Amino acid sequence: MIEIFEGGLPVEDILNRWYEYAKELNSGAFLPFIGVVREENDIEGLSFDIYLPLLYNWFKKWQNLDVKIKMAHSVGDVKVKESSFMCGVFAKHRKEAFYYIEEFVEDFKANAPIWKYDIKDGKRVFASDRAKPIKGAGILLKD
């Protein structure tokens, strides 16, 4: 399940709902990850664009595992010290939860179709130094 929010994430609300979900599943482990926008390079925050059809398609490969995974992400502007990304792994045992949280976050950072901008002086500046190409994306060329 993916949840998209305009602006910073309501972290406490999401954690509470996900904790209730863990209890409903009878999970032995609920492992959350919360990404926080940190102060650096004189930014006021970060801003995000998401191409939802590609995001949902990317997320499909994380379904039908022995664990359940949820994620939440922001679109638009997120201020410094707010959260823009959360995910949670729900598993029977802690070892598989630790394994899948790392795998999921690394794959997310490398392949999720989300574009990040720094906010400086009230303007969005594409964070090209932190961008990665998406597999299968590019310009089609004529023969």
C-alpha atoms as a PDB file:
ATOM      1  CA  MET A   1       0.000   0.000   0.000  1.00  0.00           C
ATOM      2  CA  ILE A   2       1.254   3.456  -0.945  1.00  0.00           C
ATOM      3  CA  GLU A   3       0.030   6.658   0.669  1.00  0.00           C
ATOM      4  CA  ILE A   4       0.771  10.036  -0.931  1.00  0.00           C
ATOM      5  CA  PHE A   5       0.542  13.292   1.043  1.00  0.00           C
ATOM      6  CA  GLU A   6       0.837  16.925   0.025  1.00  0.00           C
ATOM      7  CA  GLY A   7       3.685  18.440   2.075  1.00  0.00           C
ATOM      8  CA  GLY A   8       5.321  16.915   5.149  1.00  0.00           C
ATOM      9  CA  LEU A   9       4.078  13.542   6.351  1.00  0.00           C
ATOM     10  CA  PRO A  10       1.846  13.213   9.430  1.00  0.00           C
ATOM     11  CA  VAL A  11       4.355  10.819  11.013  1.00  0.00           C
ATOM     12  CA  GLU A  12       2.547  10.055  14.271  1.00  0.00           C
ATOM     13  CA  ASP A  13      -0.754   9.333  12.516  1.00  0.00           C
ATOM     14  CA  ILE A  14       0.899   7.023   9.995  1.00  0.00           C
ATOM     15  CA  LEU A  15       2.874   5.174  12.683  1.00  0.00           C
ATOM     16  CA  ASN A  16      -0.246   4.677  14.803  1.00  0.00           C
ATOM     17  CA  ARG A  17      -2.242   3.318  11.866  1.00  0.00           C
ATOM     18  CA  TRP A  18       0.615   1.051  10.797  1.00  0.00           C
ATOM     19  CA  TYR A  19       1.044  -0.230  14.359  1.00  0.00           C
ATOM     20  CA  GLU A  20      -2.651  -1.171  14.435  1.00  0.00           C
ATOM     21  CA  TYR A  21      -2.151  -2.931  11.084  1.00  0.00           C
ATOM     22  CA  ALA A  22       0.800  -4.881  12.551  1.00  0.00           C
ATOM     23  CA  LYS A  23      -1.411  -6.063  15.399  1.00  0.00           C
ATOM     24  CA  GLU A  24      -4.164  -7.097  12.971  1.00  0.00           C
ATOM     25  CA  LEU A  25      -1.627  -9.117  10.971  1.00  0.00           C
ATOM     26  CA  ASN A  26      -0.242 -10.695  14.120  1.00  0.00           C
ATOM     27  CA  SER A  27       3.237  -9.578  13.016  1.00  0.00           C
ATOM     28  CA  GLY A  28       6.119 -10.446  15.269  1.00  0.00           C
ATOM     29  CA  ALA A  29       8.051  -7.478  13.872  1.00  0.00           C
ATOM     30  CA  PHE A  30       6.998  -4.071  12.607  1.00  0.00           C
ATOM     31  CA  LEU A  31      10.028  -2.137  11.432  1.00  0.00           C
ATOM     32  CA  PRO A  32       9.492   1.475  10.293  1.00  0.00           C
ATOM     33  CA  PHE A  33      11.909   3.746   8.481  1.00  0.00           C
ATOM     34  CA  ILE A  34      11.370   7.509   8.600  1.00  0.00           C
ATOM     35  CA  GLY A  35      13.322   9.839   6.314  1.00  0.00           C
ATOM     36  CA  VAL A  36      13.708  13.380   7.652  1.00  0.00           C
ATOM     37  CA  VAL A  37      14.724  16.435   5.622  1.00  0.00           C
ATOM     38  CA  ARG A  38      17.937  17.607   7.219  1.00  0.00           C
ATOM     39  CA  GLU A  39      19.548  21.032   7.283  1.00  0.00           C
ATOM     40  CA  GLU A  40      22.387  21.222   4.770  1.00  0.00           C
ATOM     41  CA  ASN A  41      23.581  23.360   1.868  1.00  0.00           C
ATOM     42  CA  ASP A  42      21.399  26.295   2.993  1.00  0.00           C
ATOM     43  CA  ILE A  43      18.181  24.609   1.848  1.00  0.00           C
ATOM     44  CA  GLU A  44      14.781  25.589   3.247  1.00  0.00           C
ATOM     45  CA  GLY A  45      13.396  22.156   2.412  1.00  0.00           C
ATOM     46  CA  LEU A  46      12.909  19.713  -0.418  1.00  0.00           C
ATOM     47  CA  SER A  47      10.200  19.448  -3.043  1.00  0.00           C
ATOM     48  CA  PHE A  48       9.066  16.302  -4.820  1.00  0.00           C
ATOM     49  CA  ASP A  49       7.328  15.313  -8.042  1.00  0.00           C
ATOM     50  CA  ILE A  50       6.036  11.759  -8.456  1.00  0.00           C
ATOM     51  CA  TYR A  51       4.850   9.919 -11.534  1.00  0.00           C
ATOM     52  CA  LEU A  52       2.232   7.748  -9.822  1.00  0.00           C
ATOM     53  CA  PRO A  53       1.632   5.099 -12.547  1.00  0.00           C
ATOM     54  CA  LEU A  54       5.351   4.234 -12.545  1.00  0.00           C
ATOM     55  CA  LEU A  55       5.520   4.348  -8.746  1.00  0.00           C
ATOM     56  CA  TYR A  56       2.618   1.907  -8.396  1.00  0.00           C
ATOM     57  CA  ASN A  57       4.195  -0.365 -11.008  1.00  0.00           C
ATOM     58  CA  TRP A  58       7.565  -0.267  -9.214  1.00  0.00           C
ATOM     59  CA  PHE A  59       5.865  -1.033  -5.874  1.00  0.00           C
ATOM     60  CA  LYS A  60       4.087  -4.121  -7.287  1.00  0.00           C
ATOM     61  CA  LYS A  61       7.303  -6.142  -7.223  1.00  0.00           C
ATOM     62  CA  TRP A  62       7.377  -5.699  -3.424  1.00  0.00           C
ATOM     63  CA  GLN A  63       4.000  -7.387  -3.022  1.00  0.00           C
ATOM     64  CA  ASN A  64       3.362 -11.104  -2.619  1.00  0.00           C
ATOM     65  CA  LEU A  65       6.344 -11.628  -0.341  1.00  0.00           C
ATOM     66  CA  ASP A  66       6.335 -13.370   3.013  1.00  0.00           C
ATOM     67  CA  VAL A  67       6.338  -9.853   4.481  1.00  0.00           C
ATOM     68  CA  LYS A  68       4.023  -6.886   3.968  1.00  0.00           C
ATOM     69  CA  ILE A  69       5.389  -3.470   3.043  1.00  0.00           C
ATOM     70  CA  LYS A  70       3.745  -0.058   3.247  1.00  0.00           C
ATOM     71  CA  MET A  71       5.126   3.293   2.234  1.00  0.00           C
ATOM     72  CA  ALA A  72       4.166   6.948   2.436  1.00  0.00           C
ATOM     73  CA  HIS A  73       5.719   9.799   0.474  1.00  0.00           C
ATOM     74  CA  SER A  74       5.273  13.509   0.036  1.00  0.00           C
ATOM     75  CA  VAL A  75       4.559  15.501  -3.090  1.00  0.00           C
ATOM     76  CA  GLY A  76       5.255  19.190  -3.180  1.00  0.00           C
ATOM     77  CA  ASP A  77       7.267  21.051  -0.575  1.00  0.00           C
ATOM     78  CA  VAL A  78       8.589  19.543   2.657  1.00  0.00           C
ATOM     79  CA  LYS A  79      10.339  21.791   5.153  1.00  0.00           C
ATOM     80  CA  VAL A  80      13.596  21.022   6.931  1.00  0.00           C
ATOM     81  CA  LYS A  81      12.981  18.717   9.930  1.00  0.00           C
ATOM     82  CA  GLU A  82       9.785  17.289   8.415  1.00  0.00           C
ATOM     83  CA  SER A  83       9.459  13.783   6.987  1.00  0.00           C
ATOM     84  CA  SER A  84       9.071  13.151   3.261  1.00  0.00           C
ATOM     85  CA  PHE A  85       9.358   9.338   3.191  1.00  0.00           C
ATOM     86  CA  MET A  86       8.289   6.497   5.440  1.00  0.00           C
ATOM     87  CA  CYS A  87       8.080   2.786   4.927  1.00  0.00           C
ATOM     88  CA  GLY A  88       7.212  -0.098   7.151  1.00  0.00           C
ATOM     89  CA  VAL A  89       7.912  -3.810   6.963  1.00  0.00           C
ATOM     90  CA  PHE A  90       5.579  -6.226   8.724  1.00  0.00           C
ATOM     91  CA  ALA A  91       7.023  -9.693   9.233  1.00  0.00           C
ATOM     92  CA  LYS A  92       6.745 -12.764  11.395  1.00  0.00           C
ATOM     93  CA  HIS A  93      10.344 -12.419  12.575  1.00  0.00           C
ATOM     94  CA  ARG A  94      12.801  -9.550  13.074  1.00  0.00           C
ATOM     95  CA  LYS A  95      15.546 -10.975  10.833  1.00  0.00           C
ATOM     96  CA  GLU A  96      13.347 -10.946   7.745  1.00  0.00           C
ATOM     97  CA  ALA A  97      12.049  -7.476   8.678  1.00  0.00           C
ATOM     98  CA  PHE A  98      15.615  -6.122   8.890  1.00  0.00           C
ATOM     99  CA  TYR A  99      16.535  -7.780   5.602  1.00  0.00           C
ATOM    100  CA  TYR A 100      13.540  -6.424   3.686  1.00  0.00           C
ATOM    101  CA  ILE A 101      13.653  -2.901   5.099  1.00  0.00           C
ATOM    102  CA  GLU A 102      17.209  -2.465   3.833  1.00  0.00           C
ATOM    103  CA  GLU A 103      16.437  -4.024   0.449  1.00  0.00           C
ATOM    104  CA  PHE A 104      13.307  -1.927   0.021  1.00  0.00           C
ATOM    105  CA  VAL A 105      14.887   1.414   0.993  1.00  0.00           C
ATOM    106  CA  GLU A 106      17.900   0.835  -1.263  1.00  0.00           C
ATOM    107  CA  ASP A 107      15.681  -0.119  -4.211  1.00  0.00           C
ATOM    108  CA  PHE A 108      13.454   2.877  -3.503  1.00  0.00           C
ATOM    109  CA  LYS A 109      16.418   5.277  -3.554  1.00  0.00           C
ATOM    110  CA  ALA A 110      17.710   3.786  -6.824  1.00  0.00           C
ATOM    111  CA  ASN A 111      14.519   3.116  -8.786  1.00  0.00           C
ATOM    112  CA  ALA A 112      11.381   4.869  -7.529  1.00  0.00           C
ATOM    113  CA  PRO A 113      10.129   7.493 -10.040  1.00  0.00           C
ATOM    114  CA  ILE A 114      10.376  10.464  -7.688  1.00  0.00           C
ATOM    115  CA  TRP A 115      12.126  13.690  -8.597  1.00  0.00           C
ATOM    116  CA  LYS A 116      13.720  15.752  -5.837  1.00  0.00           C
ATOM    117  CA  TYR A 117      14.335  19.495  -5.772  1.00  0.00           C
ATOM    118  CA  ASP A 118      16.129  21.653  -3.215  1.00  0.00           C
ATOM    119  CA  ILE A 119      14.222  24.700  -2.056  1.00  0.00           C
ATOM    120  CA  LYS A 120      16.555  27.700  -1.928  1.00  0.00           C
ATOM    121  CA  ASP A 121      15.387  31.299  -1.648  1.00  0.00           C
ATOM    122  CA  GLY A 122      11.827  30.064  -2.165  1.00  0.00           C
ATOM    123  CA  LYS A 123      12.657  28.422  -5.519  1.00  0.00           C
ATOM    124  CA  ARG A 124      12.819  24.780  -6.583  1.00  0.00           C
ATOM    125  CA  VAL A 125      16.248  23.747  -7.874  1.00  0.00           C
ATOM    126  CA  PHE A 126      16.525  20.272  -9.391  1.00  0.00           C
ATOM    127  CA  ALA A 127      18.900  18.155  -7.284  1.00  0.00           C
ATOM    128  CA  SER A 128      20.728  16.751 -10.311  1.00  0.00           C
ATOM    129  CA  ASP A 129      23.767  15.768  -8.221  1.00  0.00           C
ATOM    130  CA  ARG A 130      21.545  13.331  -6.283  1.00  0.00           C
ATOM    131  CA  ALA A 131      19.398  12.114  -9.194  1.00  0.00           C
ATOM    132  CA  LYS A 132      19.712   8.679 -10.726  1.00  0.00           C
ATOM    133  CA  PRO A 133      18.430   7.501 -14.109  1.00  0.00           C
ATOM    134  CA  ILE A 134      15.408   5.214 -14.032  1.00  0.00           C
ATOM    135  CA  LYS A 135      15.779   1.865 -15.800  1.00  0.00           C
ATOM    136  CA  GLY A 136      13.935   1.912 -19.105  1.00  0.00           C
ATOM    137  CA  ALA A 137      13.666   5.707 -19.178  1.00  0.00           C
ATOM    138  CA  GLY A 138      15.262   7.743 -21.861  1.00  0.00           C
ATOM    139  CA  ILE A 139      14.793   9.168 -25.315  1.00  0.00           C
ATOM    140  CA  LEU A 140      13.554   6.950 -28.104  1.00  0.00           C
ATOM    141  CA  LEU A 141      15.666   7.306 -31.218  1.00  0.00           C
ATOM    142  CA  LYS A 142      14.598   6.715 -34.801  1.00  0.00           C
ATOM    143  CA  ASP A 143      16.535   4.149 -36.814  1.00  0.00           C
END
